[in-house]
PDB file of N, CA and C in Angstrom:
ATOM      1  N   MET A   1       0.800  -0.908  -0.159  1.00  0.00           N
ATOM      2  CA  MET A   1       0.002   0.156  -0.350  1.00  0.00           C
ATOM      3  C   MET A   1       1.119   1.300   0.083  1.00  0.00           C
ATOM      4  N   ILE A   2       1.984   1.433   0.921  1.00  0.00           N
ATOM      5  CA  ILE A   2       2.502   2.255   0.656  1.00  0.00           C
ATOM      6  C   ILE A   2       3.445   3.017  -0.257  1.00  0.00           C
ATOM      7  N   LYS A   3       3.694   2.017  -1.631  1.00  0.00           N
ATOM      8  CA  LYS A   3       4.342   1.784  -2.707  1.00  0.00           C
ATOM      9  C   LYS A   3       2.733   2.788  -3.881  1.00  0.00           C
ATOM     10  N   PHE A   4       2.044   1.632  -3.769  1.00  0.00           N
ATOM     11  CA  PHE A   4       0.565   2.669  -4.311  1.00  0.00           C
ATOM     12  C   PHE A   4       0.184   3.316  -3.924  1.00  0.00           C
ATOM     13  N   VAL A   5       0.511   3.725  -3.520  1.00  0.00           N
ATOM     14  CA  VAL A   5       0.500   5.795  -2.619  1.00  0.00           C
ATOM     15  C   VAL A   5       0.752   6.757  -3.240  1.00  0.00           C
ATOM     16  N   GLY A   6       2.102   6.177  -3.347  1.00  0.00           N
ATOM     17  CA  GLY A   6       3.973   7.040  -3.304  1.00  0.00           C
ATOM     18  C   GLY A   6       3.742   7.629  -1.827  1.00  0.00           C
ATOM     19  N   LEU A   7       4.517   6.470  -0.976  1.00  0.00           N
ATOM     20  CA  LEU A   7       4.994   6.918   0.057  1.00  0.00           C
ATOM     21  C   LEU A   7       6.264   6.452   0.098  1.00  0.00           C
ATOM     22  N   GLU A   8       6.741   5.468  -0.358  1.00  0.00           N
ATOM     23  CA  GLU A   8       7.789   4.859  -0.551  1.00  0.00           C
ATOM     24  C   GLU A   8       8.806   5.293  -0.212  1.00  0.00           C
ATOM     25  N   SER A   9       9.230   6.826  -0.323  1.00  0.00           N
ATOM     26  CA  SER A   9      10.506   6.958  -0.102  1.00  0.00           C
ATOM     27  C   SER A   9      10.349   7.980   1.395  1.00  0.00           C
ATOM     28  N   SER A  10       8.760   8.196   2.159  1.00  0.00           N
ATOM     29  CA  SER A  10       8.603   9.028   3.047  1.00  0.00           C
ATOM     30  C   SER A  10       8.284   7.713   4.320  1.00  0.00           C
ATOM     31  N   LYS A  11       8.738   6.488   3.866  1.00  0.00           N
ATOM     32  CA  LYS A  11       8.068   5.339   5.175  1.00  0.00           C
ATOM     33  C   LYS A  11       9.206   4.902   6.059  1.00  0.00           C
ATOM     34  N   SER A  12      10.676   6.362   6.249  1.00  0.00           N
ATOM     35  CA  SER A  12      11.284   6.219   7.710  1.00  0.00           C
ATOM     36  C   SER A  12      11.116   7.426   8.159  1.00  0.00           C
ATOM     37  N   GLN A  13      10.129   8.444   7.537  1.00  0.00           N
ATOM     38  CA  GLN A  13       9.313  10.153   8.366  1.00  0.00           C
ATOM     39  C   GLN A  13       8.368   9.569   9.188  1.00  0.00           C
ATOM     40  N   LYS A  14       8.327   9.857  10.115  1.00  0.00           N
ATOM     41  CA  LYS A  14       7.159  10.628  11.280  1.00  0.00           C
ATOM     42  C   LYS A  14       6.000  10.555  10.654  1.00  0.00           C
ATOM     43  N   VAL A  15       4.884  10.215  10.699  1.00  0.00           N
ATOM     44  CA  VAL A  15       3.277  10.879  10.216  1.00  0.00           C
ATOM     45  C   VAL A  15       3.601  12.423  10.536  1.00  0.00           C
ATOM     46  N   GLY A  16       3.317  12.486  11.944  1.00  0.00           N
ATOM     47  CA  GLY A  16       3.362  13.663  12.164  1.00  0.00           C
ATOM     48  C   GLY A  16       4.156  14.820  10.819  1.00  0.00           C
ATOM     49  N   MET A  17       4.973  14.674  10.942  1.00  0.00           N
ATOM     50  CA  MET A  17       5.732  15.413   9.705  1.00  0.00           C
ATOM     51  C   MET A  17       4.780  15.268   8.359  1.00  0.00           C
ATOM     52  N   PHE A  18       4.126  14.627   8.198  1.00  0.00           N
ATOM     53  CA  PHE A  18       4.055  14.535   6.934  1.00  0.00           C
ATOM     54  C   PHE A  18       3.008  15.860   6.491  1.00  0.00           C
ATOM     55  N   SER A  19       2.544  16.578   5.285  1.00  0.00           N
ATOM     56  CA  SER A  19       1.987  17.593   4.562  1.00  0.00           C
ATOM     57  C   SER A  19       0.067  16.920   5.378  1.00  0.00           C
ATOM     58  N   ALA A  20      -0.508  17.678   4.976  1.00  0.00           N
ATOM     59  CA  ALA A  20      -2.051  17.346   4.797  1.00  0.00           C
ATOM     60  C   ALA A  20      -2.289  16.432   4.108  1.00  0.00           C
ATOM     61  N   GLY A  21      -2.095  16.908   2.807  1.00  0.00           N
ATOM     62  CA  GLY A  21      -2.063  15.640   1.162  1.00  0.00           C
ATOM     63  C   GLY A  21      -1.958  14.498   2.000  1.00  0.00           C
ATOM     64  N   ILE A  22      -0.437  14.008   2.130  1.00  0.00           N
ATOM     65  CA  ILE A  22       0.338  13.362   2.460  1.00  0.00           C
ATOM     66  C   ILE A  22      -0.094  12.361   3.500  1.00  0.00           C
ATOM     67  N   LYS A  23      -1.163  12.658   4.260  1.00  0.00           N
ATOM     68  CA  LYS A  23      -1.552  12.057   5.241  1.00  0.00           C
ATOM     69  C   LYS A  23      -3.165  11.834   4.628  1.00  0.00           C
ATOM     70  N   ARG A  24      -3.443  12.320   3.690  1.00  0.00           N
ATOM     71  CA  ARG A  24      -4.857  11.947   3.384  1.00  0.00           C
ATOM     72  C   ARG A  24      -4.632  10.412   2.150  1.00  0.00           C
ATOM     73  N   LYS A  25      -3.679  10.512   1.394  1.00  0.00           N
ATOM     74  CA  LYS A  25      -3.118   9.585   0.966  1.00  0.00           C
ATOM     75  C   LYS A  25      -3.072   7.628   1.346  1.00  0.00           C
ATOM     76  N   LEU A  26      -2.243   8.686   3.114  1.00  0.00           N
ATOM     77  CA  LEU A  26      -1.729   7.566   4.514  1.00  0.00           C
ATOM     78  C   LEU A  26      -3.173   6.936   4.720  1.00  0.00           C
ATOM     79  N   ALA A  27      -4.336   7.436   5.133  1.00  0.00           N
ATOM     80  CA  ALA A  27      -4.999   7.300   5.362  1.00  0.00           C
ATOM     81  C   ALA A  27      -6.113   6.559   4.082  1.00  0.00           C
ATOM     82  N   ILE A  28      -6.118   6.638   3.051  1.00  0.00           N
ATOM     83  CA  ILE A  28      -6.770   5.751   2.119  1.00  0.00           C
ATOM     84  C   ILE A  28      -6.374   4.610   1.625  1.00  0.00           C
ATOM     85  N   ALA A  29      -4.686   5.055   2.178  1.00  0.00           N
ATOM     86  CA  ALA A  29      -3.978   3.643   2.246  1.00  0.00           C
ATOM     87  C   ALA A  29      -4.203   2.376   3.170  1.00  0.00           C
ATOM     88  N   LYS A  30      -4.728   3.059   4.193  1.00  0.00           N
ATOM     89  CA  LYS A  30      -4.373   2.219   5.401  1.00  0.00           C
ATOM     90  C   LYS A  30      -6.144   2.032   5.484  1.00  0.00           C
ATOM     91  N   SER A  31      -7.464   2.244   4.895  1.00  0.00           N
ATOM     92  CA  SER A  31      -8.784   1.623   4.483  1.00  0.00           C
ATOM     93  C   SER A  31      -8.569   1.058   3.471  1.00  0.00           C
ATOM     94  N   ILE A  32      -7.940   0.953   2.676  1.00  0.00           N
ATOM     95  CA  ILE A  32      -7.730  -0.231   1.638  1.00  0.00           C
ATOM     96  C   ILE A  32      -7.213  -1.375   2.040  1.00  0.00           C
ATOM     97  N   ILE A  33      -6.130  -1.500   2.901  1.00  0.00           N
ATOM     98  CA  ILE A  33      -4.783  -2.672   3.172  1.00  0.00           C
ATOM     99  C   ILE A  33      -5.455  -4.119   3.093  1.00  0.00           C
ATOM    100  N   ASN A  34      -6.848  -3.997   3.360  1.00  0.00           N
ATOM    101  CA  ASN A  34      -7.438  -5.705   3.560  1.00  0.00           C
ATOM    102  C   ASN A  34      -7.628  -5.777   2.482  1.00  0.00           C
ATOM    103  N   ASN A  35      -8.298  -4.703   1.516  1.00  0.00           N
ATOM    104  CA  ASN A  35      -9.057  -4.956   0.043  1.00  0.00           C
ATOM    105  C   ASN A  35     -10.316  -6.101   0.292  1.00  0.00           C
ATOM    106  N   LEU A  36     -10.805  -4.983   1.007  1.00  0.00           N
ATOM    107  CA  LEU A  36     -12.866  -5.647   0.427  1.00  0.00           C
ATOM    108  C   LEU A  36     -13.338  -5.099  -0.055  1.00  0.00           C
ATOM    109  N   GLY A  37     -12.877  -4.681  -1.181  1.00  0.00           N
ATOM    110  CA  GLY A  37     -13.435  -4.109  -2.004  1.00  0.00           C
ATOM    111  C   GLY A  37     -15.096  -2.585  -2.304  1.00  0.00           C
ATOM    112  N   VAL A  38     -14.920  -2.507  -0.907  1.00  0.00           N
ATOM    113  CA  VAL A  38     -15.926  -1.219  -1.239  1.00  0.00           C
ATOM    114  C   VAL A  38     -15.444  -0.118   0.131  1.00  0.00           C
ATOM    115  N   LEU A  39     -14.790   1.108  -0.739  1.00  0.00           N
ATOM    116  CA  LEU A  39     -14.687   2.236   0.658  1.00  0.00           C
ATOM    117  C   LEU A  39     -15.456   3.761   0.810  1.00  0.00           C
ATOM    118  N   PHE A  40     -16.421   3.390   1.559  1.00  0.00           N
ATOM    119  CA  PHE A  40     -16.702   4.594   2.003  1.00  0.00           C
ATOM    120  C   PHE A  40     -15.971   5.871   2.463  1.00  0.00           C
ATOM    121  N   MET A  41     -16.016   7.593   1.225  1.00  0.00           N
ATOM    122  CA  MET A  41     -15.552   8.453   2.077  1.00  0.00           C
ATOM    123  C   MET A  41     -16.625   9.630   2.332  1.00  0.00           C
ATOM    124  N   ASP A  42     -15.668  10.594   3.064  1.00  0.00           N
ATOM    125  CA  ASP A  42     -16.166  12.164   3.141  1.00  0.00           C
ATOM    126  C   ASP A  42     -15.288  12.869   2.796  1.00  0.00           C
ATOM    127  N   GLU A  43     -15.274  13.879   2.360  1.00  0.00           N
ATOM    128  CA  GLU A  43     -14.976  14.690   1.595  1.00  0.00           C
ATOM    129  C   GLU A  43     -13.571  14.614   2.027  1.00  0.00           C
ATOM    130  N   PRO A  44     -12.981  13.537   0.664  1.00  0.00           N
ATOM    131  CA  PRO A  44     -11.015  13.716   1.282  1.00  0.00           C
ATOM    132  C   PRO A  44     -10.327  14.521   1.096  1.00  0.00           C
ATOM    133  N   SER A  45     -10.999  15.038   0.162  1.00  0.00           N
ATOM    134  CA  SER A  45      -9.932  16.419   0.149  1.00  0.00           C
ATOM    135  C   SER A  45     -10.278  17.865   0.566  1.00  0.00           C
ATOM    136  N   VAL A  46     -11.302  17.785   1.147  1.00  0.00           N
ATOM    137  CA  VAL A  46     -11.492  19.304   2.424  1.00  0.00           C
ATOM    138  C   VAL A  46     -10.191  19.649   2.582  1.00  0.00           C
ATOM    139  N   GLY A  47     -10.228  21.122   2.416  1.00  0.00           N
ATOM    140  CA  GLY A  47      -8.781  22.146   3.340  1.00  0.00           C
ATOM    141  C   GLY A  47      -7.723  21.165   2.562  1.00  0.00           C
ATOM    142  N   LEU A  48      -7.622  21.002   1.905  1.00  0.00           N
ATOM    143  CA  LEU A  48      -6.522  20.494   0.558  1.00  0.00           C
ATOM    144  C   LEU A  48      -5.627  21.823  -0.264  1.00  0.00           C
ATOM    145  N   ASP A  49      -4.706  21.680  -0.613  1.00  0.00           N
ATOM    146  CA  ASP A  49      -3.900  22.721  -1.663  1.00  0.00           C
ATOM    147  C   ASP A  49      -5.088  21.661  -2.668  1.00  0.00           C
ATOM    148  N   PRO A  50      -5.105  23.037  -4.068  1.00  0.00           N
ATOM    149  CA  PRO A  50      -5.143  22.056  -5.033  1.00  0.00           C
ATOM    150  C   PRO A  50      -4.433  20.899  -5.315  1.00  0.00           C
ATOM    151  N   GLN A  51      -3.335  21.403  -5.371  1.00  0.00           N
ATOM    152  CA  GLN A  51      -2.149  20.051  -5.968  1.00  0.00           C
ATOM    153  C   GLN A  51      -2.699  18.824  -5.013  1.00  0.00           C
ATOM    154  N   SER A  52      -2.814  18.815  -3.127  1.00  0.00           N
ATOM    155  CA  SER A  52      -3.114  17.949  -3.072  1.00  0.00           C
ATOM    156  C   SER A  52      -4.365  17.760  -3.019  1.00  0.00           C
ATOM    157  N   GLN A  53      -5.535  18.103  -3.589  1.00  0.00           N
ATOM    158  CA  GLN A  53      -6.940  17.983  -4.358  1.00  0.00           C
ATOM    159  C   GLN A  53      -6.543  17.158  -5.370  1.00  0.00           C
ATOM    160  N   LYS A  54      -5.990  16.760  -6.084  1.00  0.00           N
ATOM    161  CA  LYS A  54      -6.201  16.468  -7.027  1.00  0.00           C
ATOM    162  C   LYS A  54      -4.469  15.507  -6.977  1.00  0.00           C
ATOM    163  N   MET A  55      -4.256  15.563  -6.118  1.00  0.00           N
ATOM    164  CA  MET A  55      -3.314  14.223  -5.820  1.00  0.00           C
ATOM    165  C   MET A  55      -4.243  12.857  -5.803  1.00  0.00           C
ATOM    166  N   VAL A  56      -5.271  13.363  -3.932  1.00  0.00           N
ATOM    167  CA  VAL A  56      -6.285  12.756  -4.042  1.00  0.00           C
ATOM    168  C   VAL A  56      -7.431  12.012  -4.717  1.00  0.00           C
ATOM    169  N   ARG A  57      -7.431  13.124  -6.143  1.00  0.00           N
ATOM    170  CA  ARG A  57      -8.780  12.576  -6.618  1.00  0.00           C
ATOM    171  C   ARG A  57      -8.331  11.884  -7.513  1.00  0.00           C
ATOM    172  N   ASP A  58      -6.651  11.985  -7.715  1.00  0.00           N
ATOM    173  CA  ASP A  58      -6.203  11.073  -9.050  1.00  0.00           C
ATOM    174  C   ASP A  58      -6.070   9.601  -8.325  1.00  0.00           C
ATOM    175  N   LEU A  59      -6.568   9.400  -7.052  1.00  0.00           N
ATOM    176  CA  LEU A  59      -5.547   8.420  -5.587  1.00  0.00           C
ATOM    177  C   LEU A  59      -6.658   7.727  -5.792  1.00  0.00           C
ATOM    178  N   VAL A  60      -8.289   8.104  -5.945  1.00  0.00           N
ATOM    179  CA  VAL A  60      -9.170   7.532  -5.278  1.00  0.00           C
ATOM    180  C   VAL A  60     -10.021   6.766  -6.443  1.00  0.00           C
ATOM    181  N   MET A  61      -9.354   7.892  -8.012  1.00  0.00           N
ATOM    182  CA  MET A  61     -10.098   7.329  -9.239  1.00  0.00           C
ATOM    183  C   MET A  61      -9.083   6.195 -10.091  1.00  0.00           C
ATOM    184  N   ASP A  62      -8.338   5.809 -10.130  1.00  0.00           N
ATOM    185  CA  ASP A  62      -7.264   4.465  -9.457  1.00  0.00           C
ATOM    186  C   ASP A  62      -8.549   3.807  -9.287  1.00  0.00           C
ATOM    187  N   LEU A  63      -8.383   4.080  -7.537  1.00  0.00           N
ATOM    188  CA  LEU A  63      -8.793   2.792  -6.560  1.00  0.00           C
ATOM    189  C   LEU A  63     -10.913   2.178  -7.334  1.00  0.00           C
ATOM    190  N   ALA A  64     -11.069   3.504  -8.234  1.00  0.00           N
ATOM    191  CA  ALA A  64     -12.236   2.955  -8.856  1.00  0.00           C
ATOM    192  C   ALA A  64     -12.113   1.869 -10.311  1.00  0.00           C
ATOM    193  N   PHE A  65     -11.081   3.159 -10.823  1.00  0.00           N
ATOM    194  CA  PHE A  65     -11.696   1.859 -11.960  1.00  0.00           C
ATOM    195  C   PHE A  65     -10.490   1.439 -12.485  1.00  0.00           C
ATOM    196  N   ASN A  66      -8.712   1.496 -11.874  1.00  0.00           N
ATOM    197  CA  ASN A  66      -8.143   0.538 -11.780  1.00  0.00           C
ATOM    198  C   ASN A  66      -7.821  -1.044 -10.746  1.00  0.00           C
ATOM    199  N   GLN A  67      -8.215  -0.165  -9.879  1.00  0.00           N
ATOM    200  CA  GLN A  67      -7.757  -1.446  -8.390  1.00  0.00           C
ATOM    201  C   GLN A  67      -9.368  -2.283  -8.151  1.00  0.00           C
ATOM    202  N   GLU A  68     -10.426  -1.959  -8.975  1.00  0.00           N
ATOM    203  CA  GLU A  68     -11.500  -2.103  -9.131  1.00  0.00           C
ATOM    204  C   GLU A  68     -12.574  -2.004  -7.454  1.00  0.00           C
ATOM    205  N   ILE A  69     -12.249  -0.740  -6.693  1.00  0.00           N
ATOM    206  CA  ILE A  69     -12.979  -0.922  -5.773  1.00  0.00           C
ATOM    207  C   ILE A  69     -14.247  -0.059  -6.373  1.00  0.00           C
ATOM    208  N   THR A  70     -14.785  -0.338  -5.093  1.00  0.00           N
ATOM    209  CA  THR A  70     -16.298   0.367  -5.075  1.00  0.00           C
ATOM    210  C   THR A  70     -16.068   1.776  -3.839  1.00  0.00           C
ATOM    211  N   VAL A  71     -16.276   2.823  -4.654  1.00  0.00           N
ATOM    212  CA  VAL A  71     -15.912   3.931  -3.464  1.00  0.00           C
ATOM    213  C   VAL A  71     -17.125   4.855  -3.259  1.00  0.00           C
ATOM    214  N   PHE A  72     -17.448   5.298  -2.753  1.00  0.00           N
ATOM    215  CA  PHE A  72     -19.364   5.956  -2.581  1.00  0.00           C
ATOM    216  C   PHE A  72     -18.131   6.811  -1.410  1.00  0.00           C
TER     217      PHE A  72
END
């Protein structure tokens, strides 16, 4: 999951040092680690800068279309 969300270069850093966007990506990775096939999200990009919003949106789109996870 760390590689999937693009955090492999940050795995030695403490989570408290991550930006809000990276923390959201980490939360998404934690949510899909058990591969249940369904992911419920409530405004995953609220409060993020435009670049981080796009990053989270692209990740969600990848989950829905390439990883075949149902996203609500």
